[in-house]
Structure formats: C-alpha cells, structure tokens
Amino acid sequence: MYIAMNRFRVVPGFEEAFEAQWLNRQGRLSEVPGYIEFQMLKGPKAEDHTLYASHTVWDTYESFVAWTKSEQFRAAHARAGESKVQYLSGPHFEGFEVIISEDSAGNRRSQAA
C-alpha cells in the first residue's frame, strides 16, 4: 500500500472556507483504479495557522502516480486557483510506503520493500 498526504497551513479565520471547499468538491478518486480511501484531517492550531492534512490510501505507489496523471486528477484540481482560502504556503506533499499494517482484529501484515 501507499499513503499520499498533503499538509495545509490555513491562515486563522479561513478554516470554515477551507473545510467547505473540500466538502463541496468532486474528488473523482473513486473513478481511479487502486484508490482505497481518503480522509481530511484537522490538526492543531498555532498562532499563525491551523494545520490540515489530506490522507489518501492507494493499493500501490504506481496507482497513486497514475492518479496524478489522470483526467480525473486534472478535473478534481481544475478550480484550485479560484480558492479564497489563505495559506501560509502551498501544500506540502509527503508520500509513504506502508511496510507494516495491523487491522482492528490484530491481524498484522508486513509489506515487502
């Protein structure tokens, strides 16, 4: 599995607009092979920003890369420049290969590197 994350530092006062933007967008992820799940996470508040992170799980790294090159990706991000939300800086991407996972029943899997 592969986890793709983007961290967003949203300027205070723009949190509601940021959350609404994500609630109202058509993500198109479910149309792409290899997509497993998505979460938008709200983190701690600092004096100059509130931290958010998008968290997307893919069956493989290759599936994630295919998403970034897809028509669905372009359509999902087409209106990104129209946002009224203010950020301290652009999103910060982090990608992770899953090497160990454990489900709620305690079943553990190790992924070959």
Protein backbone atom coordinates (compact mmCIF):
# COMPACT_ATOMS: atom_id res chain seq x y z
CA MET A 1 0.00 0.00 0.00
CA TYR A 2 0.96 3.63 -0.43
CA ILE A 3 -0.24 6.68 1.54
CA ALA A 4 -0.17 10.14 -0.05
CA MET A 5 -0.51 13.12 2.27
CA ASN A 6 -0.66 16.86 1.73
CA ARG A 7 -0.32 19.22 4.67
CA PHE A 8 -2.03 22.61 4.51
CA ARG A 9 -1.31 25.54 6.84
CA VAL A 10 -4.51 27.61 6.75
CA VAL A 11 -4.43 31.21 7.99
CA PRO A 12 -6.71 31.80 11.03
CA GLY A 13 -10.23 32.80 10.02
CA PHE A 14 -10.18 30.73 6.80
CA GLU A 15 -10.77 27.31 8.37
CA GLU A 16 -14.50 27.25 7.63
CA ALA A 17 -13.93 28.19 3.97
CA PHE A 18 -11.20 25.55 3.64
CA GLU A 19 -13.42 22.81 5.08
CA ALA A 20 -16.38 23.85 2.90
CA GLN A 21 -14.14 23.83 -0.17
CA TRP A 22 -13.24 20.19 0.49
CA LEU A 23 -16.79 19.17 1.41
CA ASN A 24 -18.18 20.62 -1.80
CA ARG A 25 -15.57 19.45 -4.30
CA GLN A 26 -16.00 16.46 -6.55
CA GLY A 27 -12.87 14.44 -5.82
CA ARG A 28 -13.25 11.77 -8.53
CA LEU A 29 -10.94 9.42 -6.59
CA SER A 30 -13.38 6.51 -6.71
CA GLU A 31 -13.16 6.52 -10.51
CA VAL A 32 -9.46 5.58 -10.48
CA PRO A 33 -8.12 2.02 -10.13
CA GLY A 34 -6.15 1.38 -6.95
CA TYR A 35 -7.86 4.02 -4.77
CA ILE A 36 -8.76 2.71 -1.29
CA GLU A 37 -9.78 5.63 0.95
CA PHE A 38 -9.46 9.34 1.74
CA GLN A 39 -9.59 11.42 4.92
CA MET A 40 -9.19 15.14 5.53
CA LEU A 41 -7.65 15.65 8.95
CA LYS A 42 -7.80 18.77 11.12
CA GLY A 43 -4.80 19.20 13.35
CA PRO A 44 -3.61 21.65 15.97
CA LYS A 45 -3.97 25.40 15.84
CA ALA A 46 -0.90 27.58 16.08
CA GLU A 47 -0.81 31.35 16.37
CA ASP A 48 -0.38 31.81 12.61
CA HIS A 49 -2.23 28.78 11.15
CA THR A 50 -4.42 25.71 11.58
CA LEU A 51 -2.87 22.51 10.29
CA TYR A 52 -4.85 20.21 7.97
CA ALA A 53 -3.71 17.06 6.18
CA SER A 54 -5.29 15.10 3.37
CA HIS A 55 -4.64 11.37 3.66
CA THR A 56 -5.23 9.10 0.67
CA VAL A 57 -4.58 5.36 0.67
CA TRP A 58 -3.70 3.53 -2.56
CA ASP A 59 -3.09 -0.13 -3.28
CA THR A 60 0.33 0.70 -4.82
CA TYR A 61 2.61 3.63 -5.48
CA GLU A 62 2.01 3.08 -9.19
CA SER A 63 -1.76 3.56 -8.69
CA PHE A 64 -1.09 6.89 -6.98
CA VAL A 65 1.18 8.05 -9.82
CA ALA A 66 -1.46 7.01 -12.37
CA TRP A 67 -4.00 9.16 -10.47
CA THR A 68 -1.72 12.20 -10.69
CA LYS A 69 -1.56 11.78 -14.48
CA SER A 70 -5.27 11.10 -14.97
CA GLU A 71 -8.10 13.19 -16.39
CA GLN A 72 -9.86 12.72 -13.04
CA PHE A 73 -6.92 14.39 -11.25
CA ARG A 74 -6.99 17.36 -13.64
CA ALA A 75 -10.76 17.71 -13.21
CA ALA A 76 -10.57 17.46 -9.40
CA HIS A 77 -7.91 20.20 -9.25
CA ALA A 78 -9.22 22.42 -12.05
CA ARG A 79 -10.62 25.10 -9.71
CA ALA A 80 -7.76 25.10 -7.19
CA GLY A 81 -6.60 28.57 -8.24
CA GLU A 82 -10.04 30.07 -7.53
CA SER A 83 -9.86 29.40 -3.79
CA LYS A 84 -10.46 32.32 -1.43
CA VAL A 85 -8.64 30.48 1.37
CA GLN A 86 -5.35 31.99 2.52
CA TYR A 87 -2.41 29.71 3.27
CA LEU A 88 0.99 30.33 4.84
CA SER A 89 2.47 28.39 1.90
CA GLY A 90 1.36 25.87 -0.71
CA PRO A 91 0.51 22.30 0.26
CA HIS A 92 3.41 20.19 1.46
CA PHE A 93 3.35 16.66 -0.04
CA GLU A 94 4.57 13.57 1.81
CA GLY A 95 4.33 10.03 0.44
CA PHE A 96 4.73 6.83 2.44
CA GLU A 97 5.11 3.19 1.51
CA VAL A 98 3.25 1.03 4.03
CA ILE A 99 5.68 -1.54 5.45
CA ILE A 100 3.55 -2.87 8.34
CA SER A 101 -0.21 -2.67 8.82
CA GLU A 102 -2.50 -4.04 11.52
CA ASP A 103 -6.31 -4.20 11.43
CA SER A 104 -8.80 -3.91 14.31
CA ALA A 105 -8.71 -7.69 14.86
CA GLY A 106 -4.96 -7.56 15.43
CA ASN A 107 -4.07 -9.13 12.10
CA ARG A 108 -0.69 -7.80 11.08
CA ARG A 109 0.78 -7.67 7.58
CA SER A 110 4.29 -6.87 6.54
CA GLN A 111 4.83 -5.47 3.06
CA ALA A 112 7.91 -6.45 1.09
CA ALA A 113 10.14 -3.44 0.47
